[in-house]
Each structure stands twice: as C-alpha cells, then as structure tokens.
C-alpha atoms as a PDB file:
ATOM      1  CA  UNK A   1     -26.965   0.620  17.534  1.00  0.00           C
ATOM      2  CA  UNK A   2     -30.150  -0.802  16.121  1.00  0.00           C
ATOM      3  CA  UNK A   3     -33.786  -0.509  17.027  1.00  0.00           C
ATOM      4  CA  UNK A   4     -36.710   1.817  16.531  1.00  0.00           C
ATOM      5  CA  UNK A   5     -35.620   5.377  16.024  1.00  0.00           C
ATOM      6  CA  UNK A   6     -31.930   4.491  15.853  1.00  0.00           C
ATOM      7  CA  UNK A   7     -29.853   5.434  12.838  1.00  0.00           C
ATOM      8  CA  UNK A   8     -27.020   7.663  11.726  1.00  0.00           C
ATOM      9  CA  UNK A   9     -26.470  10.282   9.063  1.00  0.00           C
ATOM     10  CA  UNK A  10     -23.261  12.130   8.271  1.00  0.00           C
ATOM     11  CA  UNK A  11     -21.648  14.206   5.539  1.00  0.00           C
ATOM     12  CA  UNK A  12     -18.012  14.682   4.574  1.00  0.00           C
ATOM     13  CA  UNK A  13     -15.750  15.815   1.781  1.00  0.00           C
ATOM     14  CA  UNK A  14     -12.998  13.714   0.209  1.00  0.00           C
ATOM     15  CA  UNK A  15     -10.004  14.532  -1.972  1.00  0.00           C
ATOM     16  CA  UNK A  16      -9.013  11.882  -4.500  1.00  0.00           C
ATOM     17  CA  UNK A  17      -5.400  11.148  -5.483  1.00  0.00           C
ATOM     18  CA  UNK A  18      -4.164   8.632  -8.041  1.00  0.00           C
ATOM     19  CA  UNK A  19      -0.690   8.047  -9.474  1.00  0.00           C
ATOM     20  CA  UNK A  20      -1.595   7.305 -13.086  1.00  0.00           C
ATOM     21  CA  UNK A  21      -4.017   5.479 -15.317  1.00  0.00           C
ATOM     22  CA  UNK A  22      -7.773   5.821 -15.594  1.00  0.00           C
ATOM     23  CA  UNK A  23      -8.204   7.181 -12.075  1.00  0.00           C
ATOM     24  CA  UNK A  24      -5.649   9.985 -12.535  1.00  0.00           C
ATOM     25  CA  UNK A  25      -8.462  12.247 -13.790  1.00  0.00           C
ATOM     26  CA  UNK A  26      -9.726  12.302 -10.193  1.00  0.00           C
ATOM     27  CA  UNK A  27      -6.598  14.081  -8.945  1.00  0.00           C
ATOM     28  CA  UNK A  28      -7.544  17.235  -7.079  1.00  0.00           C
ATOM     29  CA  UNK A  29     -11.263  16.503  -7.390  1.00  0.00           C
ATOM     30  CA  UNK A  30     -13.242  17.340  -4.278  1.00  0.00           C
ATOM     31  CA  UNK A  31     -16.046  14.883  -3.603  1.00  0.00           C
ATOM     32  CA  UNK A  32     -18.989  15.471  -1.300  1.00  0.00           C
ATOM     33  CA  UNK A  33     -20.295  12.410   0.566  1.00  0.00           C
ATOM     34  CA  UNK A  34     -23.603  11.771   2.343  1.00  0.00           C
ATOM     35  CA  UNK A  35     -24.068   8.564   4.353  1.00  0.00           C
ATOM     36  CA  UNK A  36     -27.232   7.334   6.025  1.00  0.00           C
ATOM     37  CA  UNK A  37     -27.986   4.160   7.995  1.00  0.00           C
ATOM     38  CA  UNK A  38     -31.557   3.532   9.132  1.00  0.00           C
ATOM     39  CA  UNK A  39     -32.874   1.592  12.130  1.00  0.00           C
ATOM     40  CA  UNK A  40     -32.800  -1.644  10.080  1.00  0.00           C
ATOM     41  CA  UNK A  41     -29.107  -1.148   9.165  1.00  0.00           C
ATOM     42  CA  UNK A  42     -29.915  -0.319   5.525  1.00  0.00           C
ATOM     43  CA  UNK A  43     -27.262   2.055   4.215  1.00  0.00           C
ATOM     44  CA  UNK A  44     -27.195   4.640   1.472  1.00  0.00           C
ATOM     45  CA  UNK A  45     -24.119   6.514   0.271  1.00  0.00           C
ATOM     46  CA  UNK A  46     -24.106   9.357  -2.229  1.00  0.00           C
ATOM     47  CA  UNK A  47     -20.948  10.922  -3.665  1.00  0.00           C
ATOM     48  CA  UNK A  48     -20.761  13.809  -6.101  1.00  0.00           C
ATOM     49  CA  UNK A  49     -18.126  16.204  -7.403  1.00  0.00           C
ATOM     50  CA  UNK A  50     -17.992  19.694  -5.943  1.00  0.00           C
ATOM     51  CA  UNK A  51     -17.533  22.181  -8.797  1.00  0.00           C
END
C-alpha cells in the first residue's frame, strides 16, 4: 500500500523476557510501542517503558 493518503499507524504493548546478562533487567518490563508508516514508506517506531 503506497500512494497519496496511504499509510498505517498502530500501537501495541510488549513484555520483555531475557534469561541472563545485560538484558535481564528488562524482565517483566512492559513497553509501549507506536509505529507509523507514511505514504512514502518512511517508518517511525517509538518504544517506552510503562511505569
């Protein structure tokens, strides 16, 4: 889907899980995600922690 006026935007939440190491601090963190793609297929993603 491309062309004038075409694009997509969605939001979601994600739950991170890691076994060990540096990423283990993300265990049980809830992340909020916003994604947007414009009519020229340029994308933007934003992720932040829900506290």
